[in-house]
PDB file of all heavy atoms in Angstrom:
ATOM      1  N   TRP A   1     -17.551 -45.888  44.624  1.00  0.00           N
ATOM      2  CA  TRP A   1     -18.181 -47.164  44.245  1.00  0.00           C
ATOM      3  C   TRP A   1     -18.179 -47.290  42.739  1.00  0.00           C
ATOM      4  O   TRP A   1     -18.533 -46.327  42.040  1.00  0.00           O
ATOM      5  CB  TRP A   1     -19.620 -47.243  44.761  1.00  0.00           C
ATOM      6  CG  TRP A   1     -20.213 -48.613  44.546  1.00  0.00           C
ATOM      7  CD1 TRP A   1     -20.165 -49.676  45.399  1.00  0.00           C
ATOM      8  CD2 TRP A   1     -20.898 -49.075  43.377  1.00  0.00           C
ATOM      9  NE1 TRP A   1     -20.780 -50.766  44.849  1.00  0.00           N
ATOM     10  CE2 TRP A   1     -21.234 -50.432  43.591  1.00  0.00           C
ATOM     11  CE3 TRP A   1     -21.249 -48.499  42.161  1.00  0.00           C
ATOM     12  CZ2 TRP A   1     -21.917 -51.204  42.640  1.00  0.00           C
ATOM     13  CZ3 TRP A   1     -21.913 -49.256  41.209  1.00  0.00           C
ATOM     14  CH2 TRP A   1     -22.247 -50.591  41.466  1.00  0.00           C
ATOM     15  N   PRO A   2     -17.766 -48.411  42.175  1.00  0.00           N
ATOM     16  CA  PRO A   2     -17.329 -49.641  42.844  1.00  0.00           C
ATOM     17  C   PRO A   2     -15.825 -49.700  43.086  1.00  0.00           C
ATOM     18  O   PRO A   2     -15.307 -50.742  43.484  1.00  0.00           O
ATOM     19  CB  PRO A   2     -17.747 -50.716  41.846  1.00  0.00           C
ATOM     20  CG  PRO A   2     -17.533 -50.061  40.508  1.00  0.00           C
ATOM     21  CD  PRO A   2     -17.895 -48.605  40.707  1.00  0.00           C
ATOM     22  N   ARG A   3     -15.109 -48.597  42.848  1.00  0.00           N
ATOM     23  CA  ARG A   3     -13.649 -48.579  42.977  1.00  0.00           C
ATOM     24  C   ARG A   3     -13.263 -47.635  44.114  1.00  0.00           C
ATOM     25  O   ARG A   3     -13.196 -46.430  43.929  1.00  0.00           O
ATOM     26  CB  ARG A   3     -13.013 -48.116  41.667  1.00  0.00           C
ATOM     27  CG  ARG A   3     -13.181 -49.094  40.515  1.00  0.00           C
ATOM     28  CD  ARG A   3     -12.182 -50.211  40.639  1.00  0.00           C
ATOM     29  NE  ARG A   3     -12.285 -51.204  39.575  1.00  0.00           N
ATOM     30  CZ  ARG A   3     -11.506 -52.274  39.501  1.00  0.00           C
ATOM     31  NH1 ARG A   3     -10.591 -52.469  40.428  1.00  0.00           N
ATOM     32  NH2 ARG A   3     -11.657 -53.134  38.523  1.00  0.00           N
ATOM     33  N   PRO A   4     -12.971 -48.162  45.319  1.00  0.00           N
ATOM     34  CA  PRO A   4     -12.653 -47.297  46.463  1.00  0.00           C
ATOM     35  C   PRO A   4     -11.483 -46.360  46.204  1.00  0.00           C
ATOM     36  O   PRO A   4     -11.451 -45.247  46.742  1.00  0.00           O
ATOM     37  CB  PRO A   4     -12.332 -48.295  47.585  1.00  0.00           C
ATOM     38  CG  PRO A   4     -13.052 -49.546  47.201  1.00  0.00           C
ATOM     39  CD  PRO A   4     -13.014 -49.591  45.696  1.00  0.00           C
ATOM     40  N   GLU A   5     -10.519 -46.796  45.379  1.00  0.00           N
ATOM     41  CA  GLU A   5      -9.360 -45.926  45.138  1.00  0.00           C
ATOM     42  C   GLU A   5      -9.749 -44.617  44.461  1.00  0.00           C
ATOM     43  O   GLU A   5      -9.081 -43.588  44.624  1.00  0.00           O
ATOM     44  CB  GLU A   5      -8.290 -46.648  44.310  1.00  0.00           C
ATOM     45  CG  GLU A   5      -8.643 -46.942  42.862  1.00  0.00           C
ATOM     46  CD  GLU A   5      -9.350 -48.282  42.665  1.00  0.00           C
ATOM     47  OE1 GLU A   5      -9.730 -48.908  43.678  1.00  0.00           O
ATOM     48  OE2 GLU A   5      -9.494 -48.701  41.504  1.00  0.00           O
ATOM     49  N   PHE A   6     -10.860 -44.635  43.714  1.00  0.00           N
ATOM     50  CA  PHE A   6     -11.293 -43.406  43.062  1.00  0.00           C
ATOM     51  C   PHE A   6     -11.861 -42.424  44.086  1.00  0.00           C
ATOM     52  O   PHE A   6     -11.658 -41.216  43.991  1.00  0.00           O
ATOM     53  CB  PHE A   6     -12.315 -43.706  41.966  1.00  0.00           C
ATOM     54  CG  PHE A   6     -12.607 -42.524  41.073  1.00  0.00           C
ATOM     55  CD1 PHE A   6     -11.590 -41.895  40.385  1.00  0.00           C
ATOM     56  CD2 PHE A   6     -13.889 -42.031  40.942  1.00  0.00           C
ATOM     57  CE1 PHE A   6     -11.844 -40.795  39.570  1.00  0.00           C
ATOM     58  CE2 PHE A   6     -14.164 -40.938  40.133  1.00  0.00           C
ATOM     59  CZ  PHE A   6     -13.139 -40.312  39.448  1.00  0.00           C
ATOM     60  N   GLY A   7     -12.554 -42.944  45.089  1.00  0.00           N
ATOM     61  CA  GLY A   7     -13.040 -42.080  46.161  1.00  0.00           C
ATOM     62  C   GLY A   7     -11.900 -41.447  46.936  1.00  0.00           C
ATOM     63  O   GLY A   7     -11.933 -40.249  47.247  1.00  0.00           O
ATOM     64  N   ASP A   8     -10.864 -42.246  47.230  1.00  0.00           N
ATOM     65  CA  ASP A   8      -9.704 -41.701  47.927  1.00  0.00           C
ATOM     66  C   ASP A   8      -9.014 -40.630  47.084  1.00  0.00           C
ATOM     67  O   ASP A   8      -8.575 -39.600  47.605  1.00  0.00           O
ATOM     68  CB  ASP A   8      -8.711 -42.821  48.249  1.00  0.00           C
ATOM     69  CG  ASP A   8      -9.243 -43.804  49.283  1.00  0.00           C
ATOM     70  OD1 ASP A   8     -10.138 -43.426  50.064  1.00  0.00           O
ATOM     71  OD2 ASP A   8      -8.760 -44.951  49.296  1.00  0.00           O
ATOM     72  N   TYR A   9      -8.906 -40.882  45.790  1.00  0.00           N
ATOM     73  CA  TYR A   9      -8.273 -39.942  44.863  1.00  0.00           C
ATOM     74  C   TYR A   9      -9.025 -38.616  44.842  1.00  0.00           C
ATOM     75  O   TYR A   9      -8.424 -37.541  44.976  1.00  0.00           O
ATOM     76  CB  TYR A   9      -8.251 -40.584  43.480  1.00  0.00           C
ATOM     77  CG  TYR A   9      -7.678 -39.756  42.349  1.00  0.00           C
ATOM     78  CD1 TYR A   9      -6.338 -39.856  42.004  1.00  0.00           C
ATOM     79  CD2 TYR A   9      -8.492 -38.913  41.591  1.00  0.00           C
ATOM     80  CE1 TYR A   9      -5.816 -39.125  40.941  1.00  0.00           C
ATOM     81  CE2 TYR A   9      -7.972 -38.182  40.532  1.00  0.00           C
ATOM     82  CZ  TYR A   9      -6.639 -38.289  40.211  1.00  0.00           C
ATOM     83  OH  TYR A   9      -6.131 -37.557  39.170  1.00  0.00           O
ATOM     84  N   MET A  10     -10.340 -38.675  44.702  1.00  0.00           N
ATOM     85  CA  MET A  10     -11.116 -37.444  44.626  1.00  0.00           C
ATOM     86  C   MET A  10     -11.129 -36.685  45.948  1.00  0.00           C
ATOM     87  O   MET A  10     -11.273 -35.456  45.969  1.00  0.00           O
ATOM     88  CB  MET A  10     -12.541 -37.738  44.161  1.00  0.00           C
ATOM     89  CG  MET A  10     -12.637 -38.235  42.722  1.00  0.00           C
ATOM     90  SD  MET A  10     -11.818 -37.154  41.514  1.00  0.00           S
ATOM     91  CE  MET A  10     -12.745 -35.624  41.734  1.00  0.00           C
ATOM     92  N   ALA A  11     -10.947 -37.393  47.066  1.00  0.00           N
ATOM     93  CA  ALA A  11     -10.867 -36.719  48.361  1.00  0.00           C
ATOM     94  C   ALA A  11      -9.620 -35.847  48.459  1.00  0.00           C
ATOM     95  O   ALA A  11      -9.546 -34.961  49.331  1.00  0.00           O
ATOM     96  CB  ALA A  11     -10.883 -37.739  49.492  1.00  0.00           C
ATOM     97  N   GLU A  12      -8.653 -36.054  47.576  1.00  0.00           N
ATOM     98  CA  GLU A  12      -7.450 -35.216  47.533  1.00  0.00           C
ATOM     99  C   GLU A  12      -7.632 -34.011  46.620  1.00  0.00           C
ATOM    100  O   GLU A  12      -6.722 -33.181  46.501  1.00  0.00           O
ATOM    101  CB  GLU A  12      -6.260 -36.051  47.060  1.00  0.00           C
ATOM    102  CG  GLU A  12      -5.918 -37.207  47.980  1.00  0.00           C
ATOM    103  CD  GLU A  12      -4.878 -38.143  47.391  1.00  0.00           C
ATOM    104  OE1 GLU A  12      -4.138 -37.710  46.480  1.00  0.00           O
ATOM    105  OE2 GLU A  12      -4.817 -39.304  47.827  1.00  0.00           O
ATOM    106  N   CYS A  13      -8.794 -33.905  45.973  1.00  0.00           N
ATOM    107  CA  CYS A  13      -9.025 -32.858  44.968  1.00  0.00           C
ATOM    108  C   CYS A  13     -10.169 -31.935  45.365  1.00  0.00           C
ATOM    109  O   CYS A  13     -10.934 -31.472  44.522  1.00  0.00           O
ATOM    110  CB  CYS A  13      -9.316 -33.502  43.610  1.00  0.00           C
ATOM    111  SG  CYS A  13      -7.994 -34.569  43.016  1.00  0.00           S
ATOM    112  N   VAL A  14     -10.303 -31.697  46.674  1.00  0.00           N
ATOM    113  CA  VAL A  14     -11.348 -30.805  47.176  1.00  0.00           C
ATOM    114  C   VAL A  14     -10.720 -29.692  48.005  1.00  0.00           C
ATOM    115  O   VAL A  14      -9.572 -29.791  48.445  1.00  0.00           O
ATOM    116  CB  VAL A  14     -12.392 -31.559  48.027  1.00  0.00           C
ATOM    117  CG1 VAL A  14     -13.163 -32.566  47.180  1.00  0.00           C
ATOM    118  CG2 VAL A  14     -11.729 -32.248  49.220  1.00  0.00           C
ATOM    119  N   GLU A  15     -11.485 -28.634  48.209  1.00  0.00           N
ATOM    120  CA  GLU A  15     -11.056 -27.543  49.066  1.00  0.00           C
ATOM    121  C   GLU A  15     -12.210 -27.162  49.993  1.00  0.00           C
ATOM    122  O   GLU A  15     -13.383 -27.321  49.637  1.00  0.00           O
ATOM    123  CB  GLU A  15     -10.635 -26.322  48.239  1.00  0.00           C
ATOM    124  CG  GLU A  15     -11.739 -25.727  47.397  1.00  0.00           C
ATOM    125  CD  GLU A  15     -11.240 -24.592  46.523  1.00  0.00           C
ATOM    126  OE1 GLU A  15     -10.014 -24.365  46.470  1.00  0.00           O
ATOM    127  OE2 GLU A  15     -12.086 -23.931  45.881  1.00  0.00           O
ATOM    128  N   ARG A  16     -11.850 -26.651  51.166  1.00  0.00           N
ATOM    129  CA  ARG A  16     -12.879 -26.270  52.134  1.00  0.00           C
ATOM    130  C   ARG A  16     -13.287 -24.824  51.912  1.00  0.00           C
ATOM    131  O   ARG A  16     -12.446 -23.929  51.822  1.00  0.00           O
ATOM    132  CB  ARG A  16     -12.390 -26.464  53.576  1.00  0.00           C
ATOM    133  CG  ARG A  16     -13.482 -26.191  54.611  1.00  0.00           C
ATOM    134  CD  ARG A  16     -13.086 -26.687  55.971  1.00  0.00           C
ATOM    135  NE  ARG A  16     -12.933 -28.133  56.033  1.00  0.00           N
ATOM    136  CZ  ARG A  16     -13.935 -28.995  56.108  1.00  0.00           C
ATOM    137  NH1 ARG A  16     -15.195 -28.553  56.121  1.00  0.00           N
ATOM    138  NH2 ARG A  16     -13.698 -30.287  56.174  1.00  0.00           N
ATOM    139  N   ARG A  17     -14.592 -24.607  51.801  1.00  0.00           N
ATOM    140  CA  ARG A  17     -15.163 -23.263  51.730  1.00  0.00           C
ATOM    141  C   ARG A  17     -16.117 -23.092  52.904  1.00  0.00           C
ATOM    142  O   ARG A  17     -16.290 -24.019  53.708  1.00  0.00           O
ATOM    143  CB  ARG A  17     -15.878 -23.062  50.394  1.00  0.00           C
ATOM    144  CG  ARG A  17     -14.980 -23.251  49.175  1.00  0.00           C
ATOM    145  CD  ARG A  17     -15.739 -23.091  47.876  1.00  0.00           C
ATOM    146  NE  ARG A  17     -14.934 -23.508  46.729  1.00  0.00           N
ATOM    147  CZ  ARG A  17     -15.424 -23.659  45.500  1.00  0.00           C
ATOM    148  NH1 ARG A  17     -16.725 -23.417  45.260  1.00  0.00           N
ATOM    149  NH2 ARG A  17     -14.632 -24.048  44.521  1.00  0.00           N
ATOM    150  N   ALA A  18     -16.734 -21.938  52.985  1.00  0.00           N
ATOM    151  CA  ALA A  18     -17.569 -21.636  54.154  1.00  0.00           C
ATOM    152  C   ALA A  18     -18.694 -22.647  54.342  1.00  0.00           C
ATOM    153  O   ALA A  18     -19.068 -22.961  55.475  1.00  0.00           O
ATOM    154  CB  ALA A  18     -18.143 -20.224  54.022  1.00  0.00           C
ATOM    155  N   ASP A  19     -19.241 -23.175  53.235  1.00  0.00           N
ATOM    156  CA  ASP A  19     -20.382 -24.083  53.346  1.00  0.00           C
ATOM    157  C   ASP A  19     -20.006 -25.554  53.257  1.00  0.00           C
ATOM    158  O   ASP A  19     -20.880 -26.421  53.230  1.00  0.00           O
ATOM    159  CB  ASP A  19     -21.420 -23.753  52.268  1.00  0.00           C
ATOM    160  CG  ASP A  19     -20.862 -23.891  50.850  1.00  0.00           C
ATOM    161  OD1 ASP A  19     -19.618 -23.988  50.704  1.00  0.00           O
ATOM    162  OD2 ASP A  19     -21.666 -23.909  49.888  1.00  0.00           O
ATOM    163  N   GLY A  20     -18.713 -25.883  53.201  1.00  0.00           N
ATOM    164  CA  GLY A  20     -18.311 -27.280  53.131  1.00  0.00           C
ATOM    165  C   GLY A  20     -17.225 -27.494  52.091  1.00  0.00           C
ATOM    166  O   GLY A  20     -16.559 -26.562  51.651  1.00  0.00           O
ATOM    167  N   LEU A  21     -17.051 -28.750  51.672  1.00  0.00           N
ATOM    168  CA  LEU A  21     -16.001 -29.123  50.735  1.00  0.00           C
ATOM    169  C   LEU A  21     -16.514 -29.073  49.298  1.00  0.00           C
ATOM    170  O   LEU A  21     -17.604 -29.558  48.999  1.00  0.00           O
ATOM    171  CB  LEU A  21     -15.499 -30.536  51.044  1.00  0.00           C
ATOM    172  CG  LEU A  21     -14.821 -30.723  52.408  1.00  0.00           C
ATOM    173  CD1 LEU A  21     -14.610 -32.203  52.691  1.00  0.00           C
ATOM    174  CD2 LEU A  21     -13.498 -29.973  52.468  1.00  0.00           C
ATOM    175  N   HIS A  22     -15.699 -28.496  48.422  1.00  0.00           N
ATOM    176  CA  HIS A  22     -16.023 -28.408  46.999  1.00  0.00           C
ATOM    177  C   HIS A  22     -14.877 -28.971  46.178  1.00  0.00           C
ATOM    178  O   HIS A  22     -13.702 -28.845  46.544  1.00  0.00           O
ATOM    179  CB  HIS A  22     -16.240 -26.943  46.578  1.00  0.00           C
ATOM    180  CG  HIS A  22     -17.477 -26.332  47.114  1.00  0.00           C
ATOM    181  ND1 HIS A  22     -18.608 -26.137  46.346  1.00  0.00           N
ATOM    182  CD2 HIS A  22     -17.783 -25.867  48.362  1.00  0.00           C
ATOM    183  CE1 HIS A  22     -19.550 -25.570  47.087  1.00  0.00           C
ATOM    184  NE2 HIS A  22     -19.072 -25.395  48.310  1.00  0.00           N
ATOM    185  N   LEU A  23     -15.211 -29.580  45.044  1.00  0.00           N
ATOM    186  CA  LEU A  23     -14.183 -29.994  44.101  1.00  0.00           C
ATOM    187  C   LEU A  23     -13.439 -28.769  43.601  1.00  0.00           C
ATOM    188  O   LEU A  23     -14.019 -27.681  43.457  1.00  0.00           O
ATOM    189  CB  LEU A  23     -14.814 -30.745  42.927  1.00  0.00           C
ATOM    190  CG  LEU A  23     -15.507 -32.063  43.278  1.00  0.00           C
ATOM    191  CD1 LEU A  23     -16.251 -32.608  42.062  1.00  0.00           C
ATOM    192  CD2 LEU A  23     -14.501 -33.091  43.778  1.00  0.00           C
ATOM    193  N   ARG A  24     -12.167 -28.942  43.304  1.00  0.00           N
ATOM    194  CA  ARG A  24     -11.335 -27.814  42.880  1.00  0.00           C
ATOM    195  C   ARG A  24     -11.395 -27.597  41.367  1.00  0.00           C
ATOM    196  O   ARG A  24     -10.645 -26.783  40.830  1.00  0.00           O
ATOM    197  CB  ARG A  24      -9.901 -28.043  43.352  1.00  0.00           C
ATOM    198  CG  ARG A  24      -9.812 -28.105  44.874  1.00  0.00           C
ATOM    199  CD  ARG A  24      -8.462 -28.559  45.327  1.00  0.00           C
ATOM    200  NE  ARG A  24      -7.458 -27.518  45.142  1.00  0.00           N
ATOM    201  CZ  ARG A  24      -6.147 -27.747  45.205  1.00  0.00           C
ATOM    202  NH1 ARG A  24      -5.704 -28.985  45.404  1.00  0.00           N
ATOM    203  NH2 ARG A  24      -5.291 -26.758  45.051  1.00  0.00           N
ATOM    204  N   THR A  25     -12.266 -28.314  40.700  1.00  0.00           N
ATOM    205  CA  THR A  25     -12.528 -28.105  39.275  1.00  0.00           C
ATOM    206  C   THR A  25     -14.012 -27.818  39.105  1.00  0.00           C
ATOM    207  O   THR A  25     -14.852 -28.540  39.659  1.00  0.00           O
ATOM    208  CB  THR A  25     -12.172 -29.346  38.447  1.00  0.00           C
ATOM    209  OG1 THR A  25     -10.819 -29.710  38.695  1.00  0.00           O
ATOM    210  CG2 THR A  25     -12.354 -29.100  36.957  1.00  0.00           C
ATOM    211  N   SER A  26     -14.349 -26.791  38.345  1.00  0.00           N
ATOM    212  CA  SER A  26     -15.745 -26.499  38.059  1.00  0.00           C
ATOM    213  C   SER A  26     -16.357 -27.622  37.243  1.00  0.00           C
ATOM    214  O   SER A  26     -15.780 -28.080  36.248  1.00  0.00           O
ATOM    215  CB  SER A  26     -15.829 -25.182  37.277  1.00  0.00           C
ATOM    216  OG  SER A  26     -17.019 -25.094  36.540  1.00  0.00           O
ATOM    217  N   ALA A  27     -17.541 -28.075  37.658  1.00  0.00           N
ATOM    218  CA  ALA A  27     -18.236 -29.120  36.904  1.00  0.00           C
ATOM    219  C   ALA A  27     -18.535 -28.664  35.481  1.00  0.00           C
ATOM    220  O   ALA A  27     -18.453 -29.451  34.536  1.00  0.00           O
ATOM    221  CB  ALA A  27     -19.530 -29.507  37.625  1.00  0.00           C
ATOM    222  N   ALA A  28     -18.857 -27.387  35.317  1.00  0.00           N
ATOM    223  CA  ALA A  28     -19.143 -26.870  33.973  1.00  0.00           C
ATOM    224  C   ALA A  28     -17.897 -26.901  33.097  1.00  0.00           C
ATOM    225  O   ALA A  28     -17.961 -27.259  31.912  1.00  0.00           O
ATOM    226  CB  ALA A  28     -19.684 -25.447  34.068  1.00  0.00           C
ATOM    227  N   ASP A  29     -16.744 -26.540  33.666  1.00  0.00           N
ATOM    228  CA  ASP A  29     -15.504 -26.575  32.898  1.00  0.00           C
ATOM    229  C   ASP A  29     -15.139 -28.012  32.529  1.00  0.00           C
ATOM    230  O   ASP A  29     -14.709 -28.287  31.399  1.00  0.00           O
ATOM    231  CB  ASP A  29     -14.362 -25.944  33.694  1.00  0.00           C
ATOM    232  CG  ASP A  29     -14.568 -24.459  33.940  1.00  0.00           C
ATOM    233  OD1 ASP A  29     -15.395 -23.847  33.243  1.00  0.00           O
ATOM    234  OD2 ASP A  29     -13.902 -23.913  34.842  1.00  0.00           O
ATOM    235  N   ALA A  30     -15.291 -28.937  33.478  1.00  0.00           N
ATOM    236  CA  ALA A  30     -14.995 -30.345  33.200  1.00  0.00           C
ATOM    237  C   ALA A  30     -15.880 -30.876  32.084  1.00  0.00           C
ATOM    238  O   ALA A  30     -15.427 -31.639  31.213  1.00  0.00           O
ATOM    239  CB  ALA A  30     -15.171 -31.179  34.469  1.00  0.00           C
ATOM    240  N   ALA A  31     -17.144 -30.479  32.085  1.00  0.00           N
ATOM    241  CA  ALA A  31     -18.055 -30.921  31.025  1.00  0.00           C
ATOM    242  C   ALA A  31     -17.628 -30.368  29.664  1.00  0.00           C
ATOM    243  O   ALA A  31     -17.742 -31.055  28.646  1.00  0.00           O
ATOM    244  CB  ALA A  31     -19.477 -30.490  31.354  1.00  0.00           C
ATOM    245  N   GLU A  32     -17.134 -29.135  29.631  1.00  0.00           N
ATOM    246  CA  GLU A  32     -16.641 -28.558  28.378  1.00  0.00           C
ATOM    247  C   GLU A  32     -15.436 -29.327  27.859  1.00  0.00           C
ATOM    248  O   GLU A  32     -15.307 -29.591  26.658  1.00  0.00           O
ATOM    249  CB  GLU A  32     -16.281 -27.084  28.576  1.00  0.00           C
ATOM    250  CG  GLU A  32     -17.472 -26.171  28.722  1.00  0.00           C
ATOM    251  CD  GLU A  32     -18.320 -26.112  27.463  1.00  0.00           C
ATOM    252  OE1 GLU A  32     -17.754 -26.129  26.355  1.00  0.00           O
ATOM    253  OE2 GLU A  32     -19.554 -26.068  27.593  1.00  0.00           O
ATOM    254  N   ILE A  33     -14.528 -29.685  28.758  1.00  0.00           N
ATOM    255  CA  ILE A  33     -13.346 -30.441  28.364  1.00  0.00           C
ATOM    256  C   ILE A  33     -13.755 -31.786  27.775  1.00  0.00           C
ATOM    257  O   ILE A  33     -13.306 -32.178  26.695  1.00  0.00           O
ATOM    258  CB  ILE A  33     -12.415 -30.622  29.575  1.00  0.00           C
ATOM    259  CG1 ILE A  33     -11.817 -29.279  29.987  1.00  0.00           C
ATOM    260  CG2 ILE A  33     -11.302 -31.617  29.251  1.00  0.00           C
ATOM    261  CD1 ILE A  33     -11.112 -29.298  31.331  1.00  0.00           C
ATOM    262  N   ALA A  34     -14.614 -32.512  28.487  1.00  0.00           N
ATOM    263  CA  ALA A  34     -15.055 -33.818  28.007  1.00  0.00           C
ATOM    264  C   ALA A  34     -15.894 -33.696  26.741  1.00  0.00           C
ATOM    265  O   ALA A  34     -15.906 -34.597  25.902  1.00  0.00           O
ATOM    266  CB  ALA A  34     -15.854 -34.532  29.101  1.00  0.00           C
ATOM    267  N   GLY A  35     -16.594 -32.574  26.592  1.00  0.00           N
ATOM    268  CA  GLY A  35     -17.414 -32.374  25.401  1.00  0.00           C
ATOM    269  C   GLY A  35     -16.592 -32.357  24.131  1.00  0.00           C
ATOM    270  O   GLY A  35     -17.033 -32.860  23.086  1.00  0.00           O
TER     271      GLY A  35
END
């Protein structure tokens, strides 16, 4: 929301682990890059 294509895009960037789906990039690492 508000761009459905972004949701579809991010659904291609996850992996399944024992407890469910996780993004394949660490949020902490992404924050460092953007920082």
